[in-house]
Amino acid sequence: MTEMKRSALRDRPLAWAVAGSLAAMTLTCGPAKAEEAFNLDALIEAAKKEPPITVYAVTGKIVDTAKEFSEKYGVEATGKKVNEATQVELMIREHQAGNILGDVSVATDVASAIGQLLPEGIATSWTPPDLAKDIPEKQRNPLVVVSDPHVFTYNTEKYDKCPVTNIWQLTEPQWRGKLAMLDLFDKPLYADWFNQIETHRDADVARAYRSLYGKKLETNGESATAAWVKAFAENGPLLADSTTVANAAGAPGQAEPFFVITSTAKYRDNLTKGLKLGICAGVEPFSGFLYPGFGLIAGQTKSPNAAKLFVRYLMTEEGIAPQTEDGKISGNSTIGLPADEPSGVAKYLDQLMAFDTATAGDDLDKREAWQDLWRINHRK
């Protein structure tokens, strides 16, 4: 895949988000002044006077979270499980119709949020001023509520240790037909991941090739990432939903289990379904990635204060607990993972590639190109 000039794209998303986001107030006023001006009790009282809100999120746990929020604050909220792409579609249609049904979006499609929802005013971002000091600066605007670790995963019943130490091994014949991942046409975050690799870690991918094979990667002018994606696709990974992927890797009693990449949220099935999922740590040049989940507010919501209050609730330990139990990382740096979190991902966070939202506009622009590259080379 040919390299494009990205400097303007790197700057554009941040400018868009700052212009369209209420969180920009904290940047102009300064954290101290914004915190002094913020009054949680006043926000709660204002929220109680507004219509009920609906929250879209990729996890079904949002249903109970919304109920607990309502009980805590006396502000009616309903949670609905909606996948990333559908959240974007709904928010656009509701905005165009002037009929907002989803007031808050949690963990939507990052590239679409940066490239369309925020710049067009379909959604806004707001960072709770009283919690801003505990949120890394790069995650305040747009606000990252939670990050979802997607990790290389193997079957711990079959293998004493991870059978893969380098991503280039996944292009070798022994793994043909024994790989699986989420469908990148249904979950475009995987196509976006490919673009993130090319943009930020391409040299690392080339070095990993040399480390494994002892020679320089010849790419015929393509990026190292494009060469890897093509070779990976040629090995015929199964594209499926998260449950199928997790079962392919972790179901007990398999002679030849699949090697997969999946969210740590599926590791709860080790406890509930007896799966044998294990994180493949120490893979060159990364053992997976962290996908950020924004907390966005519909630009035309009739309940802006209730929406803000809900977003703030998600930035507290109480509000995000159902998701940290699944290994998801809170945007609030003071909140860690539970000691009994099933995947144990806390030990490997430094091995995961973090998405850079500053270049997410480029991810959106090139999404179809990566999907086409996959489609052309994928062998079933």
Protein backbone atom coordinates (compact mmCIF):
# COMPACT_ATOMS: atom_id res chain seq x y z
CA MET A 1 0.00 0.00 0.00
CA THR A 2 1.49 3.32 -1.06
CA GLU A 3 2.30 5.89 1.58
CA MET A 4 0.22 9.08 1.67
CA LYS A 5 0.97 12.49 3.11
CA ARG A 6 -0.55 12.38 6.56
CA SER A 7 0.51 15.58 8.29
CA ALA A 8 -2.74 17.38 7.57
CA LEU A 9 -4.76 14.33 8.56
CA ARG A 10 -2.91 14.08 11.85
CA ASP A 11 -3.77 17.66 12.74
CA ARG A 12 -7.30 17.74 11.36
CA PRO A 13 -9.11 15.32 13.70
CA LEU A 14 -7.89 17.08 16.84
CA ALA A 15 -8.92 20.45 15.46
CA TRP A 16 -12.34 19.10 14.52
CA ALA A 17 -12.90 17.55 17.89
CA VAL A 18 -11.78 20.63 19.80
CA ALA A 19 -14.06 22.84 17.73
CA GLY A 20 -17.05 20.59 18.17
CA SER A 21 -16.53 19.49 21.76
CA LEU A 22 -17.67 20.95 25.03
CA ALA A 23 -14.52 19.47 26.49
CA ALA A 24 -12.60 22.24 24.76
CA MET A 25 -13.80 24.51 27.55
CA THR A 26 -11.39 22.84 29.91
CA LEU A 27 -8.57 23.57 27.51
CA THR A 28 -9.29 27.28 27.17
CA CYS A 29 -10.18 27.91 30.80
CA GLY A 30 -7.46 25.69 32.23
CA PRO A 31 -8.02 22.61 34.40
CA ALA A 32 -8.01 24.48 37.72
CA LYS A 33 -10.61 27.08 36.69
CA ALA A 34 -12.81 24.45 35.05
CA GLU A 35 -12.72 22.29 38.18
CA GLU A 36 -13.59 25.25 40.37
CA ALA A 37 -16.57 26.12 38.15
CA PHE A 38 -17.89 22.56 38.02
CA ASN A 39 -20.65 21.68 40.47
CA LEU A 40 -21.72 18.04 40.51
CA ASP A 41 -24.79 18.68 42.64
CA ALA A 42 -25.97 21.34 40.19
CA LEU A 43 -25.43 18.93 37.28
CA ILE A 44 -27.49 16.26 39.04
CA GLU A 45 -30.35 18.66 39.71
CA ALA A 46 -30.33 19.89 36.11
CA ALA A 47 -30.28 16.29 34.85
CA LYS A 48 -33.36 15.40 36.93
CA LYS A 49 -35.37 18.03 35.06
CA GLU A 50 -34.59 16.57 31.63
CA PRO A 51 -36.23 13.75 29.65
CA PRO A 52 -34.94 10.18 30.10
CA ILE A 53 -31.85 9.22 28.13
CA THR A 54 -30.85 6.18 26.09
CA VAL A 55 -27.27 4.97 25.97
CA TYR A 56 -25.82 2.96 23.08
CA ALA A 57 -22.85 0.72 23.89
CA VAL A 58 -21.09 -2.29 22.41
CA THR A 59 -21.47 -4.30 25.61
CA GLY A 60 -24.70 -5.76 26.93
CA LYS A 61 -23.55 -4.78 30.39
CA ILE A 62 -24.70 -1.25 29.60
CA VAL A 63 -28.26 -2.36 30.44
CA ASP A 64 -27.44 -2.95 34.09
CA THR A 65 -25.10 0.03 34.22
CA ALA A 66 -27.93 2.31 33.11
CA LYS A 67 -30.24 0.83 35.77
CA GLU A 68 -27.66 1.38 38.50
CA PHE A 69 -27.11 4.94 37.28
CA SER A 70 -30.85 5.63 37.44
CA GLU A 71 -31.07 4.27 40.98
CA LYS A 72 -28.07 6.29 42.12
CA TYR A 73 -29.07 9.67 40.70
CA GLY A 74 -32.81 9.50 40.14
CA VAL A 75 -32.24 10.20 36.44
CA GLU A 76 -33.89 7.72 34.11
CA ALA A 77 -31.52 6.00 31.66
CA THR A 78 -31.88 2.96 29.42
CA GLY A 79 -28.95 1.00 28.04
CA LYS A 80 -28.99 -0.71 24.64
CA LYS A 81 -26.35 -3.01 23.18
CA VAL A 82 -25.47 -1.72 19.71
CA ASN A 83 -22.32 -2.58 17.77
CA GLU A 84 -19.86 0.09 16.64
CA ALA A 85 -20.96 0.46 13.03
CA THR A 86 -24.66 0.49 13.89
CA GLN A 87 -24.10 3.18 16.52
CA VAL A 88 -22.62 5.42 13.85
CA GLU A 89 -25.46 4.71 11.44
CA LEU A 90 -28.11 5.40 14.08
CA MET A 91 -26.51 8.62 15.27
CA ILE A 92 -26.24 9.96 11.72
CA ARG A 93 -29.84 9.08 10.84
CA GLU A 94 -31.24 10.43 14.09
CA HIS A 95 -29.29 13.67 13.66
CA GLN A 96 -30.52 14.11 10.10
CA ALA A 97 -34.11 13.45 11.15
CA GLY A 98 -33.85 15.71 14.19
CA ASN A 99 -35.17 12.83 16.27
CA ILE A 100 -32.57 11.78 18.83
CA LEU A 101 -33.16 8.37 20.36
CA GLY A 102 -29.60 7.66 21.49
CA ASP A 103 -28.32 10.44 23.74
CA VAL A 104 -24.98 8.85 24.64
CA SER A 105 -22.72 6.61 22.57
CA VAL A 106 -20.13 4.47 24.34
CA ALA A 107 -17.28 2.82 22.40
CA THR A 108 -18.41 3.75 18.93
CA ASP A 109 -16.38 3.38 15.73
CA VAL A 110 -13.33 5.54 16.49
CA ALA A 111 -12.42 6.42 12.90
CA SER A 112 -15.99 7.39 12.03
CA ALA A 113 -16.29 9.42 15.21
CA ILE A 114 -13.15 11.40 14.38
CA GLY A 115 -13.84 11.65 10.66
CA GLN A 116 -17.57 12.36 10.69
CA LEU A 117 -19.55 12.41 13.94
CA LEU A 118 -17.51 15.07 15.73
CA PRO A 119 -16.64 17.43 12.86
CA GLU A 120 -20.24 17.47 11.62
CA GLY A 121 -21.68 18.14 15.07
CA ILE A 122 -23.54 14.84 15.12
CA ALA A 123 -21.81 14.15 18.41
CA THR A 124 -19.83 16.13 20.96
CA SER A 125 -17.30 15.17 23.60
CA TRP A 126 -17.30 16.34 27.21
CA THR A 127 -14.69 15.61 29.84
CA PRO A 128 -15.77 15.88 33.50
CA PRO A 129 -13.74 18.84 34.80
CA ASP A 130 -13.41 17.41 38.30
CA LEU A 131 -11.89 14.18 36.94
CA ALA A 132 -9.76 15.66 34.17
CA LYS A 133 -6.56 15.52 36.21
CA ASP A 134 -6.90 11.72 36.39
CA ILE A 135 -7.41 11.30 32.64
CA PRO A 136 -4.32 11.26 30.38
CA GLU A 137 -4.28 14.43 28.30
CA LYS A 138 -4.42 12.59 24.97
CA GLN A 139 -7.59 10.82 26.11
CA ARG A 140 -9.57 13.89 27.18
CA ASN A 141 -10.69 15.24 23.85
CA PRO A 142 -12.41 13.21 22.54
CA LEU A 143 -12.94 11.51 25.86
CA VAL A 144 -11.78 7.90 26.02
CA VAL A 145 -14.07 6.18 28.52
CA VAL A 146 -12.57 2.73 28.16
CA SER A 147 -10.03 0.88 26.01
CA ASP A 148 -10.63 -2.69 24.86
CA PRO A 149 -7.58 -4.97 24.71
CA HIS A 150 -7.54 -7.33 21.72
CA VAL A 151 -4.87 -9.96 22.27
CA PHE A 152 -3.30 -12.88 20.46
CA THR A 153 -4.81 -15.94 22.12
CA TYR A 154 -3.98 -19.66 22.27
CA ASN A 155 -5.42 -22.79 23.86
CA THR A 156 -3.74 -23.41 27.22
CA GLU A 157 -4.91 -27.04 27.33
CA LYS A 158 -3.14 -27.86 24.06
CA TYR A 159 0.02 -25.80 24.60
CA ASP A 160 2.23 -25.40 27.67
CA LYS A 161 3.18 -21.95 26.35
CA CYS A 162 2.21 -19.74 23.46
CA PRO A 163 3.19 -21.41 20.17
CA VAL A 164 3.79 -18.08 18.44
CA THR A 165 6.55 -15.57 19.18
CA ASN A 166 6.40 -13.39 16.06
CA ILE A 167 3.50 -12.13 13.94
CA TRP A 168 5.22 -13.36 10.78
CA GLN A 169 4.78 -16.94 11.98
CA LEU A 170 1.08 -16.44 11.31
CA THR A 171 1.90 -16.32 7.60
CA GLU A 172 3.57 -19.75 7.65
CA PRO A 173 2.02 -22.99 6.31
CA GLN A 174 1.55 -24.66 9.71
CA TRP A 175 -1.08 -22.06 10.61
CA ARG A 176 -3.02 -22.21 7.37
CA GLY A 177 -6.68 -22.75 8.17
CA LYS A 178 -5.98 -22.58 11.91
CA LEU A 179 -6.32 -18.83 12.47
CA ALA A 180 -9.38 -16.77 13.35
CA MET A 181 -10.32 -13.15 14.03
CA LEU A 182 -13.36 -10.89 14.04
CA ASP A 183 -14.79 -10.18 10.61
CA LEU A 184 -13.11 -6.95 9.49
CA PHE A 185 -16.06 -6.21 7.18
CA ASP A 186 -18.43 -6.34 10.14
CA LYS A 187 -15.88 -4.98 12.65
CA PRO A 188 -13.88 -2.40 10.67
CA LEU A 189 -11.71 -1.69 13.71
CA TYR A 190 -9.47 -4.52 12.41
CA ALA A 191 -8.99 -2.78 9.06
CA ASP A 192 -8.28 0.40 11.03
CA TRP A 193 -5.74 -1.55 13.09
CA PHE A 194 -3.87 -2.46 9.92
CA ASN A 195 -3.68 1.22 9.02
CA GLN A 196 -2.52 2.11 12.53
CA ILE A 197 0.26 -0.46 12.20
CA GLU A 198 1.38 0.96 8.86
CA THR A 199 1.25 4.53 10.16
CA HIS A 200 2.99 4.02 13.48
CA ARG A 201 4.70 0.62 13.65
CA ASP A 202 5.69 -0.29 10.09
CA ALA A 203 9.41 -0.27 10.87
CA ASP A 204 8.74 -2.63 13.78
CA VAL A 205 6.95 -5.05 11.45
CA ALA A 206 9.96 -5.03 9.13
CA ARG A 207 12.32 -5.61 12.07
CA ALA A 208 10.19 -8.52 13.26
CA TYR A 209 10.62 -10.16 9.86
CA ARG A 210 14.40 -9.79 10.02
CA SER A 211 14.39 -11.09 13.60
CA LEU A 212 12.54 -14.25 12.59
CA TYR A 213 14.16 -15.02 9.24
CA GLY A 214 17.55 -13.35 9.53
CA LYS A 215 17.14 -11.35 6.33
CA LYS A 216 15.62 -8.08 5.17
CA LEU A 217 11.99 -8.06 4.08
CA GLU A 218 11.60 -7.38 0.36
CA THR A 219 8.31 -5.57 -0.24
CA ASN A 220 8.51 -4.37 -3.86
CA GLY A 221 7.73 -0.84 -2.75
CA GLU A 222 4.86 -1.76 -0.43
CA SER A 223 4.91 -1.17 3.29
CA ALA A 224 5.98 -3.99 5.58
CA THR A 225 2.47 -3.91 7.05
CA ALA A 226 0.82 -4.42 3.67
CA ALA A 227 3.15 -7.35 2.99
CA TRP A 228 2.22 -8.91 6.32
CA VAL A 229 -1.52 -8.35 5.87
CA LYS A 230 -1.40 -9.95 2.41
CA ALA A 231 0.52 -12.98 3.65
CA PHE A 232 -1.69 -13.28 6.73
CA ALA A 233 -4.84 -13.15 4.57
CA GLU A 234 -3.41 -15.80 2.24
CA ASN A 235 -3.27 -18.17 5.22
CA GLY A 236 -7.08 -18.13 5.29
CA PRO A 237 -8.04 -16.88 8.75
CA LEU A 238 -11.61 -17.66 9.71
CA LEU A 239 -13.62 -14.43 9.95
CA ALA A 240 -16.39 -14.74 12.52
CA ASP A 241 -18.20 -13.20 15.47
CA SER A 242 -16.51 -12.93 18.87
CA THR A 243 -18.13 -16.04 20.34
CA THR A 244 -17.14 -18.25 17.40
CA VAL A 245 -13.58 -16.92 17.48
CA ALA A 246 -13.25 -17.54 21.22
CA ASN A 247 -14.65 -21.06 20.94
CA ALA A 248 -12.34 -21.86 18.02
CA ALA A 249 -9.36 -21.08 20.21
CA GLY A 250 -10.49 -22.11 23.66
CA ALA A 251 -12.92 -25.01 23.45
CA PRO A 252 -11.44 -27.90 25.45
CA GLY A 253 -10.59 -31.27 23.93
CA GLN A 254 -9.39 -29.98 20.55
CA ALA A 255 -6.56 -31.75 18.75
CA GLU A 256 -5.81 -28.69 16.61
CA PRO A 257 -7.26 -25.54 18.20
CA PHE A 258 -7.19 -22.24 16.37
CA PHE A 259 -4.84 -19.39 17.15
CA VAL A 260 -6.83 -16.14 17.29
CA ILE A 261 -6.91 -12.50 18.18
CA THR A 262 -9.88 -11.48 20.31
CA SER A 263 -11.04 -9.13 23.05
CA THR A 264 -10.15 -9.94 26.64
CA ALA A 265 -13.88 -9.69 27.34
CA LYS A 266 -14.22 -13.23 25.97
CA TYR A 267 -11.88 -14.56 28.67
CA ARG A 268 -14.79 -14.56 31.09
CA ASP A 269 -15.85 -17.71 29.19
CA ASN A 270 -12.90 -19.47 30.86
CA LEU A 271 -14.94 -19.22 34.04
CA THR A 272 -18.46 -19.59 32.72
CA LYS A 273 -17.98 -22.06 29.85
CA GLY A 274 -14.73 -23.83 30.67
CA LEU A 275 -12.76 -22.38 27.77
CA LYS A 276 -8.97 -22.53 27.80
CA LEU A 277 -8.02 -19.09 26.53
CA GLY A 278 -4.54 -17.76 27.24
CA ILE A 279 -2.83 -14.50 26.30
CA CYS A 280 0.08 -14.96 23.93
CA ALA A 281 2.61 -12.62 25.52
CA GLY A 282 6.02 -11.65 24.18
CA VAL A 283 5.06 -11.63 20.50
CA GLU A 284 7.21 -9.47 18.21
CA PRO A 285 6.47 -6.63 17.65
CA PHE A 286 3.26 -6.56 19.74
CA SER A 287 0.92 -8.99 21.46
CA GLY A 288 -2.26 -7.20 20.41
CA PHE A 289 -3.73 -3.73 20.56
CA LEU A 290 -5.79 -1.39 22.72
CA TYR A 291 -8.90 -0.06 20.98
CA PRO A 292 -10.20 3.17 22.52
CA GLY A 293 -13.87 3.62 23.29
CA PHE A 294 -15.14 7.19 23.24
CA GLY A 295 -17.98 8.49 25.37
CA LEU A 296 -19.91 10.78 23.03
CA ILE A 297 -23.03 12.88 23.48
CA ALA A 298 -25.55 13.38 20.68
CA GLY A 299 -25.27 16.94 19.39
CA GLN A 300 -29.04 17.44 19.43
CA THR A 301 -29.86 15.65 22.67
CA LYS A 302 -32.69 17.18 24.68
CA SER A 303 -30.98 15.98 27.86
CA PRO A 304 -27.43 17.36 27.75
CA ASN A 305 -27.00 17.43 31.52
CA ALA A 306 -28.25 13.88 32.00
CA ALA A 307 -25.93 12.77 29.21
CA LYS A 308 -22.97 14.50 30.85
CA LEU A 309 -23.83 12.96 34.19
CA PHE A 310 -23.90 9.50 32.62
CA VAL A 311 -20.53 10.06 30.94
CA ARG A 312 -19.10 11.17 34.28
CA TYR A 313 -20.55 8.06 35.95
CA LEU A 314 -18.65 5.89 33.47
CA MET A 315 -15.43 7.63 34.50
CA THR A 316 -15.85 6.46 38.10
CA GLU A 317 -14.88 3.07 39.52
CA GLU A 318 -18.52 2.28 40.27
CA GLY A 319 -19.73 3.10 36.78
CA ILE A 320 -17.03 1.28 34.82
CA ALA A 321 -16.66 -1.77 37.11
CA PRO A 322 -18.75 -4.10 34.90
CA GLN A 323 -16.32 -3.45 32.06
CA THR A 324 -13.04 -3.55 33.98
CA GLU A 325 -14.15 -7.00 35.12
CA ASP A 326 -13.74 -7.97 31.44
CA GLY A 327 -10.22 -6.61 31.23
CA LYS A 328 -11.20 -3.28 29.69
CA ILE A 329 -9.05 -0.35 30.73
CA SER A 330 -10.71 2.71 32.25
CA GLY A 331 -9.82 6.12 30.85
CA ASN A 332 -9.48 7.21 34.47
CA SER A 333 -5.88 6.38 35.39
CA THR A 334 -6.75 5.91 39.07
CA ILE A 335 -8.93 2.89 38.26
CA GLY A 336 -7.14 -0.42 37.81
CA LEU A 337 -8.29 -3.88 36.84
CA PRO A 338 -9.67 -6.28 39.45
CA ALA A 339 -7.14 -8.77 40.81
CA ASP A 340 -9.35 -11.64 39.65
CA GLU A 341 -9.88 -10.36 36.09
CA PRO A 342 -9.81 -13.61 34.04
CA SER A 343 -7.32 -12.75 31.28
CA GLY A 344 -4.52 -11.28 33.41
CA VAL A 345 -3.98 -8.61 30.75
CA ALA A 346 -2.82 -6.06 33.32
CA LYS A 347 0.63 -7.72 33.23
CA TYR A 348 0.95 -7.25 29.47
CA LEU A 349 -0.41 -3.78 28.74
CA ASP A 350 3.04 -2.54 27.74
CA GLN A 351 3.09 -5.19 24.99
CA LEU A 352 -0.12 -3.94 23.37
CA MET A 353 -0.15 -1.40 20.57
CA ALA A 354 -2.23 1.64 21.52
CA PHE A 355 -4.39 3.29 18.86
CA ASP A 356 -3.41 6.88 18.15
CA THR A 357 -6.69 8.76 17.70
CA ALA A 358 -4.83 11.73 16.17
CA THR A 359 -4.52 9.71 12.94
CA ALA A 360 -7.95 8.09 13.04
CA GLY A 361 -9.12 10.30 10.17
CA ASP A 362 -6.56 8.54 8.01
CA ASP A 363 -7.87 5.17 9.21
CA LEU A 364 -11.32 6.09 7.93
CA ASP A 365 -9.97 7.32 4.59
CA LYS A 366 -8.08 4.06 4.01
CA ARG A 367 -10.49 1.59 5.55
CA GLU A 368 -11.90 0.35 2.25
CA ALA A 369 -8.41 0.02 0.78
CA TRP A 370 -7.38 -2.35 3.59
CA GLN A 371 -10.62 -4.30 3.28
CA ASP A 372 -10.02 -4.61 -0.47
CA LEU A 373 -6.45 -5.77 0.10
CA TRP A 374 -7.79 -8.44 2.44
CA ARG A 375 -10.60 -9.46 0.07
CA ILE A 376 -8.22 -9.91 -2.85
CA ASN A 377 -5.72 -12.03 -0.90
CA HIS A 378 -7.90 -13.97 1.54
CA ARG A 379 -8.00 -17.69 0.84
CA LYS A 380 -10.72 -19.81 2.39
